[in-house]
Amino acid sequence: MVDWSRSSCCIGSIIRRHDEGEAGVFPKVPDYHKPNKPLVSNGLGVFYVLFSTVYLFLLYFSNIVPVRNEVSAPLTLAVCVLFGGFMGLLDDWIDLRWRYKAFLPLIAAIPLIFLAKSLELRATVAIPFTGITLVFGDAYFFIIIPLLVTIVTNTVNQLGGLNGLETVCPTVVLAGLMLLSGQNAVLLYGPLAIWLLLAALNFSGRLFVGNTGSFAIGMTLASFAIISDLKFVLAVSILPYIANSVLILLTFFFFRAKANVKFDGQRLSSDHKRSLITLVTYNRPLSEKQVVAIISLLVAVSTTVPVLLHFLTV
């Protein structure tokens, strides 16, 4: 079994070294939304990648989740989480251009396509209360799955920059998917435990998960939804993420402008609407925690809706 108490001690040791001013092994970056811009250890999302992978390997070797048609769901999810973490490390090290980040997740779609075809997962999406069922056929495997992985991974990565925003919001979506996934929920018991620990420390401003964490958790959401056949639930749940990315991309491509939020030492505000954060703070000064709470509530609503629809139509 994975000793989560040891992982907590390990992360806690890094935090203590940070608080005591020691260099540590993780690079430190300024927290621009705190007075005096204190330096905070970045890239600790690597703990999520490592412990999640170990947990999923243990599930595979213990046969808690049996292999079906020579395909293992834990191993497939582990591969996807590892690749998400690898993408994040590359981005943290060499600052990948968006044209590369946009298409790299396509590689992680390969094991998911193999799993979906081997397990003969439904290539359809039923829209509740409409009687409409979208039938994709082979396009589901070779177009929809790659698109889903790419969109989810990148949109989750784009919604960040505030303490807790890139950790709390994915936790809400993750919980909604687990609630409907039946026996597959066991795949995320370990990953959710370590992510909750990181989210608590991130929300309090004691660490950043970095691109390593945000890409890995985005890959987790997409992969788990495909494995558990919860495509519609995921698509509705990430609507706030999609809205944020659309705002960012439209303003950049049409106006060559980027989203920026102002910090006066206590509150955040903006004079434009180029992202979800600037939309929430537009002519409305709010504290960092208030902004995170509002956006997290939006994600909670977008996640609750498909979950309730699922239970009402069962």
Protein backbone atom coordinates (compact mmCIF):
# COMPACT_ATOMS: atom_id res chain seq x y z
CA MET A 1 0.00 0.00 0.00
CA VAL A 2 1.05 3.62 -0.51
CA ASP A 3 2.02 5.25 2.81
CA TRP A 4 0.20 8.56 2.50
CA SER A 5 1.46 9.67 5.92
CA ARG A 6 5.02 9.49 4.55
CA SER A 7 4.01 11.57 1.53
CA SER A 8 2.49 14.18 3.85
CA CYS A 9 5.71 14.27 5.89
CA CYS A 10 7.76 14.62 2.71
CA ILE A 11 5.69 17.53 1.41
CA GLY A 12 5.57 19.04 4.89
CA SER A 13 9.37 18.90 5.10
CA ILE A 14 9.65 20.86 1.86
CA ILE A 15 7.19 23.44 3.18
CA ARG A 16 9.14 23.79 6.42
CA ARG A 17 12.36 24.33 4.49
CA HIS A 18 10.57 26.98 2.45
CA ASP A 19 9.28 28.74 5.56
CA GLU A 20 12.76 28.66 7.11
CA GLY A 21 14.29 30.18 3.98
CA GLU A 22 16.26 27.14 2.85
CA ALA A 23 16.84 26.64 -0.87
CA GLY A 24 15.28 23.20 -1.21
CA VAL A 25 15.09 21.18 -4.41
CA PHE A 26 12.13 22.99 -5.96
CA PRO A 27 12.48 26.38 -7.65
CA LYS A 28 10.78 29.31 -5.95
CA VAL A 29 8.67 31.86 -7.77
CA PRO A 30 7.04 35.08 -6.54
CA ASP A 31 3.43 35.01 -5.36
CA TYR A 32 2.36 38.18 -7.16
CA HIS A 33 -0.98 38.39 -5.35
CA LYS A 34 0.43 38.60 -1.85
CA PRO A 35 1.97 41.65 -0.13
CA ASN A 36 5.75 41.84 -0.71
CA LYS A 37 5.49 39.01 -3.29
CA PRO A 38 6.90 36.18 -1.15
CA LEU A 39 8.77 33.33 -2.85
CA VAL A 40 6.86 30.04 -2.98
CA SER A 41 8.09 26.57 -3.94
CA ASN A 42 6.78 25.65 -7.40
CA GLY A 43 6.27 22.38 -9.27
CA LEU A 44 5.11 20.27 -6.34
CA GLY A 45 2.48 18.71 -8.59
CA VAL A 46 5.20 16.15 -9.24
CA PHE A 47 4.12 14.49 -5.97
CA TYR A 48 0.68 13.95 -7.46
CA VAL A 49 2.21 12.31 -10.51
CA LEU A 50 4.52 10.04 -8.51
CA PHE A 51 2.10 8.85 -5.85
CA SER A 52 -0.81 8.48 -8.27
CA THR A 53 1.32 6.32 -10.54
CA VAL A 54 2.48 4.11 -7.66
CA TYR A 55 -1.12 3.76 -6.47
CA LEU A 56 -2.36 2.78 -9.93
CA PHE A 57 0.47 0.28 -10.40
CA LEU A 58 -0.47 -1.31 -7.07
CA LEU A 59 -4.08 -1.58 -8.22
CA TYR A 60 -2.88 -3.37 -11.32
CA PHE A 61 -0.60 -5.83 -9.50
CA SER A 62 -3.22 -6.56 -6.81
CA ASN A 63 -5.85 -7.18 -9.51
CA ILE A 64 -8.38 -5.09 -7.58
CA VAL A 65 -9.43 -3.75 -10.97
CA PRO A 66 -9.26 -6.86 -13.18
CA VAL A 67 -7.81 -6.81 -16.68
CA ARG A 68 -10.51 -6.97 -19.35
CA ASN A 69 -9.82 -8.01 -22.93
CA GLU A 70 -6.09 -7.75 -22.17
CA VAL A 71 -6.50 -4.06 -21.24
CA SER A 72 -5.87 -2.61 -17.77
CA ALA A 73 -7.68 0.57 -16.76
CA PRO A 74 -5.20 1.37 -13.93
CA LEU A 75 -2.20 1.04 -16.26
CA THR A 76 -3.87 3.14 -18.96
CA LEU A 77 -4.68 5.88 -16.46
CA ALA A 78 -1.14 5.69 -15.02
CA VAL A 79 0.37 6.19 -18.48
CA CYS A 80 -1.84 9.23 -19.08
CA VAL A 81 -1.01 10.79 -15.70
CA LEU A 82 2.70 10.24 -16.31
CA PHE A 83 2.50 11.86 -19.73
CA GLY A 84 0.57 14.83 -18.30
CA GLY A 85 3.27 15.28 -15.68
CA PHE A 86 5.98 14.99 -18.34
CA MET A 87 4.28 17.71 -20.39
CA GLY A 88 4.14 19.94 -17.33
CA LEU A 89 7.82 19.38 -16.53
CA LEU A 90 8.75 20.30 -20.09
CA ASP A 91 6.69 23.47 -19.82
CA ASP A 92 8.20 24.38 -16.45
CA TRP A 93 11.73 23.80 -17.78
CA ILE A 94 11.65 25.27 -21.27
CA ASP A 95 8.36 27.23 -21.37
CA LEU A 96 6.71 25.38 -24.25
CA ARG A 97 4.94 27.46 -26.88
CA TRP A 98 1.18 27.04 -27.00
CA ARG A 99 1.27 25.47 -30.45
CA TYR A 100 3.21 22.56 -28.94
CA LYS A 101 1.13 22.32 -25.76
CA ALA A 102 -2.03 22.27 -27.84
CA PHE A 103 -1.07 19.09 -29.66
CA LEU A 104 1.16 17.13 -27.26
CA PRO A 105 -1.86 15.65 -25.42
CA LEU A 106 -2.75 13.82 -28.63
CA ILE A 107 0.01 11.35 -27.77
CA ALA A 108 -1.75 10.47 -24.50
CA ALA A 109 -4.93 9.76 -26.45
CA ILE A 110 -3.33 6.68 -28.06
CA PRO A 111 -3.67 4.32 -25.03
CA LEU A 112 -7.18 5.65 -24.41
CA ILE A 113 -8.20 4.88 -27.98
CA PHE A 114 -6.84 1.36 -27.58
CA LEU A 115 -8.71 0.89 -24.30
CA ALA A 116 -11.98 2.26 -25.68
CA LYS A 117 -11.86 -0.01 -28.74
CA SER A 118 -10.78 -3.09 -26.77
CA LEU A 119 -13.54 -2.65 -24.18
CA GLU A 120 -16.03 -1.66 -26.88
CA LEU A 121 -17.07 1.48 -25.03
CA ARG A 122 -20.10 3.28 -26.38
CA ALA A 123 -19.33 5.58 -29.29
CA THR A 124 -22.46 7.60 -28.51
CA VAL A 125 -23.45 10.50 -26.28
CA ALA A 126 -27.02 10.69 -24.97
CA ILE A 127 -28.30 14.16 -24.11
CA PRO A 128 -30.68 13.88 -21.11
CA PHE A 129 -34.37 14.83 -21.49
CA THR A 130 -34.03 15.54 -25.21
CA GLY A 131 -34.24 12.04 -26.62
CA ILE A 132 -31.23 12.91 -28.73
CA THR A 133 -28.34 10.46 -28.99
CA LEU A 134 -25.27 11.49 -30.92
CA VAL A 135 -23.76 8.53 -32.76
CA PHE A 136 -20.10 9.01 -33.69
CA GLY A 137 -19.08 5.54 -34.83
CA ASP A 138 -15.34 5.23 -35.48
CA ALA A 139 -15.05 9.02 -35.33
CA TYR A 140 -15.44 8.72 -31.57
CA PHE A 141 -12.21 6.78 -31.25
CA PHE A 142 -10.08 8.73 -33.70
CA ILE A 143 -11.53 12.26 -33.42
CA ILE A 144 -13.63 12.72 -30.28
CA ILE A 145 -11.22 11.07 -27.80
CA PRO A 146 -8.16 13.01 -29.04
CA LEU A 147 -10.16 16.25 -29.03
CA LEU A 148 -11.50 15.60 -25.53
CA VAL A 149 -8.03 14.88 -24.13
CA THR A 150 -6.51 17.93 -25.84
CA ILE A 151 -9.26 20.38 -24.89
CA VAL A 152 -9.60 19.27 -21.27
CA THR A 153 -5.85 19.17 -20.59
CA ASN A 154 -5.18 22.60 -22.05
CA THR A 155 -8.24 24.38 -20.65
CA VAL A 156 -7.50 23.10 -17.14
CA ASN A 157 -3.93 24.36 -17.49
CA GLN A 158 -5.11 27.81 -18.62
CA LEU A 159 -7.34 28.46 -15.60
CA GLY A 160 -4.79 29.20 -12.91
CA GLY A 161 -2.65 31.93 -11.42
CA LEU A 162 -4.43 32.27 -8.07
CA ASN A 163 -3.83 30.23 -4.94
CA GLY A 164 -6.25 27.31 -4.96
CA LEU A 165 -7.76 27.98 -8.36
CA GLU A 166 -5.84 25.28 -10.24
CA THR A 167 -6.34 22.73 -7.47
CA VAL A 168 -9.78 23.31 -5.93
CA CYS A 169 -11.71 23.48 -9.23
CA PRO A 170 -10.37 20.16 -10.61
CA THR A 171 -11.18 18.55 -7.25
CA VAL A 172 -14.84 19.48 -7.72
CA VAL A 173 -14.98 17.95 -11.21
CA LEU A 174 -13.07 14.89 -10.03
CA ALA A 175 -15.57 14.32 -7.21
CA GLY A 176 -18.51 14.59 -9.62
CA LEU A 177 -17.01 12.03 -11.98
CA MET A 178 -16.19 9.64 -9.13
CA LEU A 179 -19.75 9.86 -7.85
CA LEU A 180 -21.07 8.42 -11.11
CA SER A 181 -18.25 6.03 -11.99
CA GLY A 182 -19.33 2.99 -9.94
CA GLN A 183 -16.50 0.51 -9.38
CA ASN A 184 -14.08 2.68 -11.37
CA ALA A 185 -14.05 5.17 -8.48
CA VAL A 186 -11.34 3.05 -6.84
CA LEU A 187 -8.96 4.30 -9.54
CA LEU A 188 -9.01 7.76 -8.00
CA TYR A 189 -9.01 7.10 -4.24
CA GLY A 190 -5.24 7.50 -4.04
CA PRO A 191 -4.90 10.35 -6.57
CA LEU A 192 -7.72 12.28 -4.89
CA ALA A 193 -6.10 11.89 -1.45
CA ILE A 194 -2.75 13.35 -2.53
CA TRP A 195 -4.43 16.05 -4.64
CA LEU A 196 -6.56 17.18 -1.67
CA LEU A 197 -3.38 17.56 0.38
CA LEU A 198 -1.76 19.63 -2.35
CA ALA A 199 -4.97 21.66 -2.78
CA ALA A 200 -5.07 22.55 0.92
CA LEU A 201 -1.44 23.71 0.87
CA ASN A 202 -1.91 25.53 -2.44
CA PHE A 203 -5.05 27.34 -1.24
CA SER A 204 -3.17 28.57 1.82
CA GLY A 205 -0.40 29.87 -0.43
CA ARG A 206 2.31 27.51 0.82
CA LEU A 207 3.06 25.82 -2.52
CA PHE A 208 2.32 25.89 -6.24
CA VAL A 209 1.62 22.68 -8.16
CA GLY A 210 2.98 24.27 -11.34
CA ASN A 211 2.34 23.11 -14.88
CA THR A 212 3.36 19.62 -13.78
CA GLY A 213 0.32 19.44 -11.53
CA SER A 214 -2.18 21.25 -13.75
CA PHE A 215 -1.37 19.20 -16.86
CA ALA A 216 -1.41 15.95 -14.85
CA ILE A 217 -4.79 16.66 -13.23
CA GLY A 218 -6.26 17.78 -16.55
CA MET A 219 -5.08 14.54 -18.13
CA THR A 220 -6.59 12.65 -15.19
CA LEU A 221 -10.01 14.23 -15.69
CA ALA A 222 -10.09 13.50 -19.43
CA SER A 223 -8.74 9.96 -19.13
CA PHE A 224 -10.98 8.95 -16.23
CA ALA A 225 -14.08 10.30 -17.98
CA ILE A 226 -13.27 8.24 -21.08
CA ILE A 227 -12.50 5.10 -19.07
CA SER A 228 -15.74 5.49 -17.06
CA ASP A 229 -17.80 6.51 -20.12
CA LEU A 230 -18.78 9.89 -18.62
CA LYS A 231 -18.18 12.05 -21.66
CA PHE A 232 -21.33 14.19 -21.34
CA VAL A 233 -20.77 14.78 -17.62
CA LEU A 234 -17.21 15.95 -18.23
CA ALA A 235 -18.18 18.16 -21.17
CA VAL A 236 -20.74 20.06 -19.10
CA SER A 237 -18.57 20.16 -15.98
CA ILE A 238 -15.71 21.97 -17.74
CA LEU A 239 -17.87 24.71 -19.31
CA PRO A 240 -16.29 27.39 -17.06
CA TYR A 241 -12.86 26.18 -18.21
CA ILE A 242 -13.94 26.39 -21.85
CA ALA A 243 -15.41 29.87 -21.34
CA ASN A 244 -12.10 31.02 -19.83
CA SER A 245 -10.05 29.62 -22.73
CA VAL A 246 -12.39 31.09 -25.34
CA LEU A 247 -12.10 34.55 -23.78
CA ILE A 248 -8.30 34.29 -23.63
CA LEU A 249 -7.89 33.00 -27.19
CA LEU A 250 -10.38 35.40 -28.81
CA THR A 251 -8.86 38.49 -27.23
CA PHE A 252 -5.36 37.34 -28.11
CA PHE A 253 -6.04 36.41 -31.74
CA PHE A 254 -8.29 39.40 -32.55
CA PHE A 255 -6.80 42.12 -30.36
CA ARG A 256 -3.32 40.75 -29.52
CA ALA A 257 -4.08 41.53 -25.89
CA LYS A 258 -3.52 39.40 -22.81
CA ALA A 259 -5.54 39.14 -19.62
CA ASN A 260 -4.03 40.97 -16.67
CA VAL A 261 -5.38 41.43 -13.18
CA LYS A 262 -4.27 44.30 -10.94
CA PHE A 263 -3.31 43.83 -7.30
CA ASP A 264 -3.31 46.81 -4.93
CA GLY A 265 -1.81 44.94 -2.01
CA GLN A 266 -5.14 43.61 -0.76
CA ARG A 267 -7.60 43.14 -3.59
CA LEU A 268 -7.64 42.08 -7.24
CA SER A 269 -9.39 44.08 -9.95
CA SER A 270 -9.42 44.44 -13.73
CA ASP A 271 -10.58 46.95 -16.34
CA HIS A 272 -11.22 44.39 -19.09
CA LYS A 273 -12.90 41.01 -19.68
CA ARG A 274 -10.26 38.82 -21.26
CA SER A 275 -10.46 35.77 -19.00
CA LEU A 276 -12.71 34.28 -16.35
CA ILE A 277 -10.63 35.91 -13.60
CA THR A 278 -10.78 39.37 -15.19
CA LEU A 279 -14.50 38.90 -15.88
CA VAL A 280 -15.18 38.19 -12.20
CA THR A 281 -13.01 41.11 -11.05
CA TYR A 282 -14.14 43.57 -13.74
CA ASN A 283 -14.64 46.90 -11.91
CA ARG A 284 -15.21 44.80 -8.78
CA PRO A 285 -12.24 44.62 -6.38
CA LEU A 286 -12.17 41.25 -4.62
CA SER A 287 -9.71 39.36 -2.46
CA GLU A 288 -7.86 36.43 -3.97
CA LYS A 289 -9.85 33.93 -1.91
CA GLN A 290 -13.13 35.56 -2.96
CA VAL A 291 -12.22 35.21 -6.64
CA VAL A 292 -11.23 31.57 -6.16
CA ALA A 293 -14.46 30.89 -4.25
CA ILE A 294 -16.63 32.45 -6.98
CA ILE A 295 -14.97 30.53 -9.81
CA SER A 296 -15.00 27.31 -7.78
CA LEU A 297 -18.74 27.83 -7.22
CA LEU A 298 -19.25 28.20 -10.98
CA VAL A 299 -17.41 24.91 -11.52
CA ALA A 300 -19.48 23.30 -8.75
CA VAL A 301 -22.71 24.38 -10.47
CA SER A 302 -21.56 23.17 -13.90
CA THR A 303 -20.59 19.83 -12.33
CA THR A 304 -23.76 19.43 -10.25
CA VAL A 305 -26.07 19.90 -13.25
CA PRO A 306 -24.94 16.83 -15.26
CA VAL A 307 -24.66 14.75 -12.07
CA LEU A 308 -28.27 15.52 -11.17
CA LEU A 309 -29.39 14.91 -14.76
CA HIS A 310 -27.67 11.53 -14.64
CA PHE A 311 -29.49 10.47 -11.48
CA LEU A 312 -32.83 11.75 -12.78
CA THR A 313 -32.55 9.78 -16.01
CA VAL A 314 -31.32 6.49 -14.51
